[in-house]
Amino acid sequence: MTTNPDRVVDDVDMRILRALVHEPRATTVALAEATGLARNTVHSRLARLDTDGVLQSFERRIDPAALGYPLTAFIMVTVTQRRLRAIGDALAGIPEVLEVHGLSGVTDLLVQIVARDADDLYRLAGQILDIDGVEKTTTGLVMRRLVDYRIGPLLDRPRG
């Protein structure tokens, strides 16, 4: 789901979102206690945040290494623009593809993948290059993650 472009969270929403970042599994009652808001207010605000696409997937973040995929790489992909939808569908069909972003600039797509080892990475890079409409790929192996995904600092930043 895409976020409603006209939707900007207000101060009450921000209180709820901060509490969710602090305790992602909090119940509506726990969020009401943490924010000082009425349970019904929290419930209705969460429903609206969900409907508006502000809240994204509740899928738990699982370390791919625990599933036997210790390598992470980003593949920059140059594509034939007319084939973009079909290429996206093909990439979605590869289980090791975690995320795909369409970019502006020097490349068209940024594809995050995981692999079991160097041979598996080579196989996956080749599989992506074999997709009809993919013109060129450049692979960068992640050596170390320096900053994990986070949203808290944006919630804590003064708005204005």
N, C-alpha and C. Protein backbone atom coordinates (compact mmCIF):
# COMPACT_ATOMS: atom_id res chain seq x y z
N MET A 1 0.84 -1.18 0.00
CA MET A 1 0.00 0.00 0.00
C MET A 1 0.89 1.24 0.00
N THR A 2 0.48 2.24 -0.74
CA THR A 2 1.19 3.51 -0.82
C THR A 2 0.55 4.49 0.15
N THR A 3 1.40 5.30 0.78
CA THR A 3 0.90 6.31 1.70
C THR A 3 0.15 7.38 0.94
N ASN A 4 -0.96 7.83 1.51
CA ASN A 4 -1.72 8.95 0.96
C ASN A 4 -0.80 10.17 0.95
N PRO A 5 -0.51 10.74 -0.23
CA PRO A 5 0.44 11.85 -0.30
C PRO A 5 -0.03 13.10 0.43
N ASP A 6 -1.34 13.22 0.65
CA ASP A 6 -1.87 14.38 1.36
C ASP A 6 -1.89 14.17 2.87
N ARG A 7 -1.53 12.98 3.33
CA ARG A 7 -1.61 12.63 4.76
C ARG A 7 -0.33 13.01 5.47
N VAL A 8 -0.43 13.92 6.40
CA VAL A 8 0.69 14.30 7.26
C VAL A 8 0.23 14.05 8.69
N VAL A 9 1.03 13.31 9.43
CA VAL A 9 0.62 12.99 10.80
C VAL A 9 0.65 14.24 11.67
N ASP A 10 -0.26 14.28 12.63
CA ASP A 10 -0.31 15.41 13.55
C ASP A 10 0.39 15.02 14.87
N ASP A 11 0.35 15.91 15.84
CA ASP A 11 1.06 15.68 17.10
C ASP A 11 0.52 14.46 17.86
N VAL A 12 -0.78 14.22 17.80
CA VAL A 12 -1.36 13.05 18.48
C VAL A 12 -0.86 11.78 17.81
N ASP A 13 -0.88 11.76 16.47
CA ASP A 13 -0.35 10.61 15.74
C ASP A 13 1.12 10.38 16.10
N MET A 14 1.89 11.45 16.19
CA MET A 14 3.32 11.34 16.51
C MET A 14 3.52 10.68 17.87
N ARG A 15 2.69 11.03 18.85
CA ARG A 15 2.79 10.40 20.17
C ARG A 15 2.58 8.90 20.07
N ILE A 16 1.58 8.51 19.30
CA ILE A 16 1.28 7.09 19.12
C ILE A 16 2.43 6.40 18.38
N LEU A 17 2.94 7.02 17.34
CA LEU A 17 4.03 6.43 16.56
C LEU A 17 5.30 6.28 17.39
N ARG A 18 5.62 7.28 18.21
CA ARG A 18 6.78 7.17 19.10
C ARG A 18 6.63 5.98 20.05
N ALA A 19 5.43 5.83 20.60
CA ALA A 19 5.18 4.71 21.51
C ALA A 19 5.30 3.38 20.77
N LEU A 20 4.86 3.32 19.53
CA LEU A 20 4.98 2.09 18.74
C LEU A 20 6.44 1.76 18.43
N VAL A 21 7.23 2.77 18.14
CA VAL A 21 8.65 2.53 17.88
C VAL A 21 9.32 1.99 19.14
N HIS A 22 8.94 2.56 20.28
CA HIS A 22 9.52 2.11 21.56
C HIS A 22 9.08 0.68 21.89
N GLU A 23 7.81 0.36 21.61
CA GLU A 23 7.28 -0.99 21.91
C GLU A 23 6.38 -1.43 20.76
N PRO A 24 6.99 -2.03 19.71
CA PRO A 24 6.23 -2.38 18.51
C PRO A 24 5.07 -3.36 18.72
N ARG A 25 5.13 -4.16 19.77
CA ARG A 25 4.06 -5.13 20.01
C ARG A 25 3.03 -4.64 21.03
N ALA A 26 3.06 -3.38 21.35
CA ALA A 26 2.15 -2.84 22.37
C ALA A 26 0.70 -2.97 21.93
N THR A 27 -0.14 -3.29 22.88
CA THR A 27 -1.59 -3.34 22.62
C THR A 27 -2.14 -1.92 22.59
N THR A 28 -3.37 -1.79 22.15
CA THR A 28 -4.02 -0.49 22.14
C THR A 28 -4.09 0.08 23.55
N VAL A 29 -4.38 -0.77 24.51
CA VAL A 29 -4.46 -0.32 25.91
C VAL A 29 -3.08 0.17 26.37
N ALA A 30 -2.02 -0.58 26.06
CA ALA A 30 -0.67 -0.16 26.45
C ALA A 30 -0.28 1.15 25.77
N LEU A 31 -0.65 1.31 24.51
CA LEU A 31 -0.35 2.56 23.81
C LEU A 31 -1.12 3.73 24.42
N ALA A 32 -2.36 3.48 24.83
CA ALA A 32 -3.14 4.53 25.49
C ALA A 32 -2.47 4.95 26.79
N GLU A 33 -2.00 3.98 27.56
CA GLU A 33 -1.31 4.29 28.82
C GLU A 33 -0.01 5.05 28.56
N ALA A 34 0.74 4.61 27.55
CA ALA A 34 2.04 5.23 27.27
C ALA A 34 1.90 6.65 26.74
N THR A 35 0.80 6.93 26.05
CA THR A 35 0.63 8.25 25.44
C THR A 35 -0.27 9.19 26.24
N GLY A 36 -1.00 8.62 27.20
CA GLY A 36 -1.95 9.43 27.96
C GLY A 36 -3.21 9.74 27.17
N LEU A 37 -3.47 8.98 26.13
CA LEU A 37 -4.65 9.17 25.30
C LEU A 37 -5.71 8.13 25.66
N ALA A 38 -6.94 8.42 25.31
CA ALA A 38 -8.02 7.47 25.53
C ALA A 38 -7.84 6.28 24.59
N ARG A 39 -8.24 5.09 25.06
CA ARG A 39 -8.11 3.87 24.27
C ARG A 39 -8.82 4.00 22.93
N ASN A 40 -10.03 4.58 22.94
CA ASN A 40 -10.77 4.74 21.69
C ASN A 40 -10.07 5.68 20.72
N THR A 41 -9.43 6.70 21.25
CA THR A 41 -8.66 7.63 20.41
C THR A 41 -7.51 6.89 19.75
N VAL A 42 -6.78 6.12 20.55
CA VAL A 42 -5.64 5.35 20.01
C VAL A 42 -6.14 4.37 18.95
N HIS A 43 -7.22 3.67 19.26
CA HIS A 43 -7.77 2.68 18.33
C HIS A 43 -8.15 3.32 17.00
N SER A 44 -8.87 4.43 17.05
CA SER A 44 -9.31 5.08 15.81
C SER A 44 -8.13 5.68 15.04
N ARG A 45 -7.16 6.23 15.77
CA ARG A 45 -5.98 6.79 15.10
C ARG A 45 -5.16 5.70 14.43
N LEU A 46 -4.99 4.56 15.10
CA LEU A 46 -4.25 3.44 14.50
C LEU A 46 -4.96 2.95 13.23
N ALA A 47 -6.28 2.87 13.29
CA ALA A 47 -7.04 2.43 12.12
C ALA A 47 -6.83 3.40 10.96
N ARG A 48 -6.86 4.69 11.24
CA ARG A 48 -6.67 5.68 10.18
C ARG A 48 -5.23 5.66 9.65
N LEU A 49 -4.25 5.51 10.55
CA LEU A 49 -2.85 5.42 10.12
C LEU A 49 -2.65 4.21 9.23
N ASP A 50 -3.33 3.13 9.56
CA ASP A 50 -3.24 1.91 8.76
C ASP A 50 -3.91 2.11 7.40
N THR A 51 -5.12 2.63 7.38
CA THR A 51 -5.86 2.87 6.14
C THR A 51 -5.12 3.83 5.23
N ASP A 52 -4.50 4.85 5.80
CA ASP A 52 -3.78 5.86 5.01
C ASP A 52 -2.40 5.39 4.55
N GLY A 53 -2.00 4.18 4.96
CA GLY A 53 -0.70 3.65 4.53
C GLY A 53 0.48 4.19 5.31
N VAL A 54 0.22 4.90 6.41
CA VAL A 54 1.32 5.40 7.23
C VAL A 54 2.00 4.23 7.95
N LEU A 55 1.20 3.32 8.49
CA LEU A 55 1.75 2.11 9.11
C LEU A 55 1.98 1.08 8.02
N GLN A 56 3.18 0.57 7.98
CA GLN A 56 3.51 -0.42 6.97
C GLN A 56 3.42 -1.82 7.56
N SER A 57 3.90 -2.79 6.83
CA SER A 57 3.77 -4.20 7.18
C SER A 57 4.20 -4.49 8.61
N PHE A 58 3.45 -5.39 9.24
CA PHE A 58 3.82 -5.84 10.58
C PHE A 58 4.75 -7.05 10.53
N GLU A 59 5.24 -7.37 9.36
CA GLU A 59 6.16 -8.49 9.22
C GLU A 59 7.38 -8.27 10.09
N ARG A 60 7.70 -9.27 10.88
CA ARG A 60 8.87 -9.16 11.76
C ARG A 60 10.14 -9.19 10.92
N ARG A 61 11.13 -8.42 11.34
CA ARG A 61 12.42 -8.41 10.66
C ARG A 61 13.23 -9.60 11.15
N ILE A 62 13.50 -10.53 10.26
CA ILE A 62 14.23 -11.74 10.59
C ILE A 62 15.61 -11.66 9.95
N ASP A 63 16.64 -12.01 10.69
CA ASP A 63 18.00 -11.98 10.17
C ASP A 63 18.13 -13.10 9.14
N PRO A 64 18.38 -12.76 7.86
CA PRO A 64 18.51 -13.80 6.83
C PRO A 64 19.62 -14.81 7.14
N ALA A 65 20.65 -14.39 7.89
CA ALA A 65 21.73 -15.32 8.23
C ALA A 65 21.20 -16.50 9.03
N ALA A 66 20.18 -16.27 9.85
CA ALA A 66 19.58 -17.35 10.64
C ALA A 66 18.87 -18.36 9.75
N LEU A 67 18.56 -17.98 8.51
CA LEU A 67 17.91 -18.86 7.55
C LEU A 67 18.90 -19.47 6.57
N GLY A 68 20.20 -19.20 6.80
CA GLY A 68 21.24 -19.75 5.94
C GLY A 68 21.68 -18.83 4.82
N TYR A 69 21.37 -17.53 4.95
CA TYR A 69 21.74 -16.53 3.95
C TYR A 69 22.59 -15.44 4.60
N PRO A 70 23.87 -15.72 4.84
CA PRO A 70 24.70 -14.74 5.55
C PRO A 70 25.19 -13.56 4.70
N LEU A 71 25.12 -13.69 3.38
CA LEU A 71 25.60 -12.61 2.51
C LEU A 71 24.44 -11.71 2.08
N THR A 72 24.67 -10.41 2.13
CA THR A 72 23.73 -9.43 1.60
C THR A 72 24.45 -8.63 0.53
N ALA A 73 23.75 -8.36 -0.55
CA ALA A 73 24.32 -7.57 -1.63
C ALA A 73 23.25 -6.65 -2.19
N PHE A 74 23.72 -5.60 -2.82
CA PHE A 74 22.85 -4.70 -3.56
C PHE A 74 23.28 -4.79 -5.02
N ILE A 75 22.29 -4.99 -5.88
CA ILE A 75 22.56 -5.06 -7.31
C ILE A 75 21.90 -3.85 -7.95
N MET A 76 22.72 -3.05 -8.63
CA MET A 76 22.22 -1.90 -9.37
C MET A 76 21.91 -2.40 -10.78
N VAL A 77 20.68 -2.14 -11.22
CA VAL A 77 20.20 -2.73 -12.47
C VAL A 77 19.77 -1.63 -13.43
N THR A 78 20.29 -1.70 -14.65
CA THR A 78 19.85 -0.82 -15.73
C THR A 78 18.90 -1.63 -16.59
N VAL A 79 17.73 -1.06 -16.89
CA VAL A 79 16.69 -1.81 -17.58
C VAL A 79 16.15 -1.05 -18.79
N THR A 80 15.46 -1.80 -19.65
CA THR A 80 14.66 -1.21 -20.71
C THR A 80 13.37 -0.75 -20.06
N GLN A 81 13.11 0.55 -20.08
CA GLN A 81 11.99 1.12 -19.33
C GLN A 81 10.64 0.49 -19.70
N ARG A 82 10.45 0.15 -20.96
CA ARG A 82 9.17 -0.46 -21.38
C ARG A 82 8.93 -1.80 -20.69
N ARG A 83 9.95 -2.42 -20.17
CA ARG A 83 9.84 -3.74 -19.56
C ARG A 83 9.81 -3.67 -18.03
N LEU A 84 9.72 -2.48 -17.49
CA LEU A 84 9.87 -2.29 -16.04
C LEU A 84 8.88 -3.14 -15.23
N ARG A 85 7.63 -3.16 -15.60
CA ARG A 85 6.64 -3.93 -14.83
C ARG A 85 6.97 -5.43 -14.86
N ALA A 86 7.31 -5.95 -16.04
CA ALA A 86 7.65 -7.37 -16.16
C ALA A 86 8.92 -7.70 -15.38
N ILE A 87 9.86 -6.78 -15.40
CA ILE A 87 11.10 -6.99 -14.64
C ILE A 87 10.80 -7.01 -13.15
N GLY A 88 9.96 -6.09 -12.70
CA GLY A 88 9.56 -6.08 -11.29
C GLY A 88 8.88 -7.38 -10.89
N ASP A 89 8.00 -7.88 -11.75
CA ASP A 89 7.33 -9.16 -11.48
C ASP A 89 8.33 -10.30 -11.41
N ALA A 90 9.31 -10.31 -12.33
CA ALA A 90 10.33 -11.36 -12.32
C ALA A 90 11.18 -11.30 -11.06
N LEU A 91 11.54 -10.10 -10.65
CA LEU A 91 12.34 -9.95 -9.43
C LEU A 91 11.54 -10.40 -8.20
N ALA A 92 10.25 -10.10 -8.18
CA ALA A 92 9.40 -10.53 -7.06
C ALA A 92 9.30 -12.04 -6.98
N GLY A 93 9.56 -12.73 -8.08
CA GLY A 93 9.51 -14.18 -8.10
C GLY A 93 10.78 -14.85 -7.61
N ILE A 94 11.79 -14.08 -7.27
CA ILE A 94 13.06 -14.63 -6.76
C ILE A 94 13.04 -14.50 -5.24
N PRO A 95 12.98 -15.61 -4.51
CA PRO A 95 12.86 -15.54 -3.05
C PRO A 95 13.99 -14.77 -2.36
N GLU A 96 15.18 -14.79 -2.92
CA GLU A 96 16.32 -14.13 -2.30
C GLU A 96 16.30 -12.61 -2.47
N VAL A 97 15.40 -12.10 -3.30
CA VAL A 97 15.25 -10.65 -3.47
C VAL A 97 14.40 -10.14 -2.31
N LEU A 98 15.00 -9.31 -1.48
CA LEU A 98 14.30 -8.78 -0.31
C LEU A 98 13.55 -7.49 -0.60
N GLU A 99 14.12 -6.67 -1.49
CA GLU A 99 13.55 -5.35 -1.72
C GLU A 99 14.05 -4.83 -3.07
N VAL A 100 13.20 -4.07 -3.75
CA VAL A 100 13.58 -3.45 -5.01
C VAL A 100 13.10 -2.00 -4.99
N HIS A 101 13.99 -1.10 -5.32
CA HIS A 101 13.66 0.33 -5.39
C HIS A 101 13.92 0.84 -6.80
N GLY A 102 12.96 1.60 -7.33
CA GLY A 102 13.17 2.29 -8.59
C GLY A 102 13.89 3.60 -8.30
N LEU A 103 14.93 3.89 -9.05
CA LEU A 103 15.76 5.06 -8.78
C LEU A 103 15.77 6.03 -9.96
N SER A 104 16.17 7.25 -9.67
CA SER A 104 16.52 8.19 -10.72
C SER A 104 18.04 8.30 -10.67
N GLY A 105 18.63 8.68 -11.77
CA GLY A 105 20.08 8.84 -11.76
C GLY A 105 20.78 7.84 -12.65
N VAL A 106 21.92 7.34 -12.17
CA VAL A 106 22.80 6.54 -13.01
C VAL A 106 22.32 5.10 -13.23
N THR A 107 21.39 4.64 -12.43
CA THR A 107 20.85 3.29 -12.60
C THR A 107 19.35 3.33 -12.38
N ASP A 108 18.67 2.28 -12.78
CA ASP A 108 17.21 2.27 -12.71
C ASP A 108 16.65 1.62 -11.46
N LEU A 109 17.26 0.51 -11.04
CA LEU A 109 16.75 -0.24 -9.90
C LEU A 109 17.88 -0.54 -8.92
N LEU A 110 17.52 -0.57 -7.65
CA LEU A 110 18.43 -1.02 -6.61
C LEU A 110 17.77 -2.23 -5.97
N VAL A 111 18.41 -3.39 -6.11
CA VAL A 111 17.84 -4.65 -5.68
C VAL A 111 18.66 -5.18 -4.50
N GLN A 112 18.00 -5.39 -3.37
CA GLN A 112 18.68 -5.98 -2.22
C GLN A 112 18.42 -7.48 -2.23
N ILE A 113 19.51 -8.26 -2.19
CA ILE A 113 19.38 -9.70 -2.19
C ILE A 113 20.19 -10.30 -1.05
N VAL A 114 19.88 -11.54 -0.73
CA VAL A 114 20.67 -12.32 0.21
C VAL A 114 21.11 -13.59 -0.49
N ALA A 115 22.25 -14.13 -0.05
CA ALA A 115 22.79 -15.33 -0.68
C ALA A 115 23.45 -16.22 0.36
N ARG A 116 23.53 -17.51 0.03
CA ARG A 116 24.14 -18.49 0.94
C ARG A 116 25.67 -18.38 0.97
N ASP A 117 26.27 -18.10 -0.19
CA ASP A 117 27.73 -17.99 -0.30
C ASP A 117 28.04 -17.27 -1.60
N ALA A 118 29.34 -17.16 -1.93
CA ALA A 118 29.75 -16.44 -3.13
C ALA A 118 29.20 -17.09 -4.40
N ASP A 119 29.17 -18.41 -4.46
CA ASP A 119 28.63 -19.09 -5.64
C ASP A 119 27.14 -18.79 -5.80
N ASP A 120 26.42 -18.78 -4.69
CA ASP A 120 25.00 -18.47 -4.73
C ASP A 120 24.78 -17.03 -5.18
N LEU A 121 25.60 -16.12 -4.71
CA LEU A 121 25.52 -14.72 -5.13
C LEU A 121 25.76 -14.60 -6.63
N TYR A 122 26.73 -15.33 -7.13
CA TYR A 122 27.03 -15.33 -8.56
C TYR A 122 25.83 -15.84 -9.36
N ARG A 123 25.21 -16.92 -8.86
CA ARG A 123 24.03 -17.49 -9.52
C ARG A 123 22.88 -16.47 -9.56
N LEU A 124 22.64 -15.82 -8.43
CA LEU A 124 21.55 -14.85 -8.35
C LEU A 124 21.78 -13.65 -9.25
N ALA A 125 23.01 -13.16 -9.26
CA ALA A 125 23.34 -12.03 -10.13
C ALA A 125 23.10 -12.41 -11.59
N GLY A 126 23.47 -13.62 -11.96
CA GLY A 126 23.23 -14.11 -13.31
C GLY A 126 21.76 -14.26 -13.62
N GLN A 127 21.00 -14.75 -12.65
CA GLN A 127 19.56 -14.91 -12.82
C GLN A 127 18.89 -13.56 -13.08
N ILE A 128 19.33 -12.54 -12.36
CA ILE A 128 18.78 -11.20 -12.56
C ILE A 128 19.19 -10.66 -13.92
N LEU A 129 20.43 -10.88 -14.31
CA LEU A 129 20.91 -10.40 -15.61
C LEU A 129 20.17 -11.09 -16.76
N ASP A 130 19.71 -12.32 -16.53
CA ASP A 130 18.99 -13.07 -17.57
C ASP A 130 17.54 -12.62 -17.76
N ILE A 131 17.01 -11.77 -16.88
CA ILE A 131 15.63 -11.30 -17.01
C ILE A 131 15.52 -10.45 -18.26
N ASP A 132 14.52 -10.75 -19.09
CA ASP A 132 14.29 -10.00 -20.32
C ASP A 132 14.07 -8.52 -20.00
N GLY A 133 14.90 -7.66 -20.58
CA GLY A 133 14.79 -6.23 -20.35
C GLY A 133 15.87 -5.69 -19.42
N VAL A 134 16.57 -6.59 -18.72
CA VAL A 134 17.70 -6.15 -17.89
C VAL A 134 18.90 -6.00 -18.82
N GLU A 135 19.46 -4.80 -18.83
CA GLU A 135 20.57 -4.50 -19.74
C GLU A 135 21.93 -4.66 -19.08
N LYS A 136 22.02 -4.30 -17.80
CA LYS A 136 23.32 -4.29 -17.13
C LYS A 136 23.10 -4.38 -15.63
N THR A 137 24.01 -5.06 -14.94
CA THR A 137 23.96 -5.10 -13.48
C THR A 137 25.34 -4.80 -12.91
N THR A 138 25.35 -4.24 -11.72
CA THR A 138 26.57 -4.03 -10.96
C THR A 138 26.27 -4.47 -9.53
N THR A 139 27.07 -5.37 -9.01
CA THR A 139 26.81 -5.95 -7.69
C THR A 139 27.79 -5.40 -6.66
N GLY A 140 27.25 -5.00 -5.52
CA GLY A 140 28.06 -4.58 -4.38
C GLY A 140 27.74 -5.45 -3.18
N LEU A 141 28.74 -6.13 -2.67
CA LEU A 141 28.57 -6.99 -1.49
C LEU A 141 28.62 -6.15 -0.23
N VAL A 142 27.66 -6.35 0.65
CA VAL A 142 27.64 -5.63 1.93
C VAL A 142 28.70 -6.25 2.84
N MET A 143 29.64 -5.44 3.25
CA MET A 143 30.70 -5.90 4.13
C MET A 143 30.32 -5.75 5.60
N ARG A 144 29.56 -4.70 5.89
CA ARG A 144 29.14 -4.43 7.27
C ARG A 144 27.98 -3.47 7.23
N ARG A 145 27.00 -3.69 8.09
CA ARG A 145 25.88 -2.75 8.24
C ARG A 145 26.28 -1.75 9.32
N LEU A 146 26.27 -0.50 8.98
CA LEU A 146 26.68 0.53 9.92
C LEU A 146 25.50 1.15 10.67
N VAL A 147 24.35 1.25 10.03
CA VAL A 147 23.15 1.79 10.67
C VAL A 147 21.99 0.91 10.25
N ASP A 148 21.30 0.30 11.21
CA ASP A 148 20.12 -0.50 10.93
C ASP A 148 18.95 0.40 10.59
N TYR A 149 17.94 -0.18 9.93
CA TYR A 149 16.72 0.57 9.64
C TYR A 149 16.19 1.17 10.93
N ARG A 150 15.80 2.42 10.86
CA ARG A 150 15.26 3.11 12.04
C ARG A 150 14.36 4.23 11.59
N ILE A 151 13.41 4.58 12.42
CA ILE A 151 12.49 5.68 12.12
C ILE A 151 12.42 6.63 13.33
N GLY A 152 12.82 6.13 14.49
CA GLY A 152 12.75 6.90 15.73
C GLY A 152 13.34 8.30 15.65
N PRO A 153 14.56 8.48 15.08
CA PRO A 153 15.12 9.83 15.01
C PRO A 153 14.25 10.81 14.22
N LEU A 154 13.53 10.34 13.21
CA LEU A 154 12.63 11.24 12.47
C LEU A 154 11.44 11.64 13.32
N LEU A 155 10.97 10.70 14.13
CA LEU A 155 9.84 11.00 15.02
C LEU A 155 10.25 11.99 16.11
N ASP A 156 11.50 11.91 16.53
CA ASP A 156 11.99 12.78 17.59
C ASP A 156 12.45 14.15 17.10
N ARG A 157 12.61 14.28 15.79
CA ARG A 157 13.08 15.54 15.21
C ARG A 157 11.97 16.58 15.28
N PRO A 158 12.29 17.79 15.71
CA PRO A 158 11.26 18.84 15.75
C PRO A 158 10.72 19.10 14.35
N ARG A 159 9.41 19.25 14.28
CA ARG A 159 8.76 19.53 13.00
C ARG A 159 8.64 21.03 12.83
N GLY A 160 8.67 21.44 11.58
CA GLY A 160 8.48 22.87 11.39
C GLY A 160 8.66 23.34 10.02
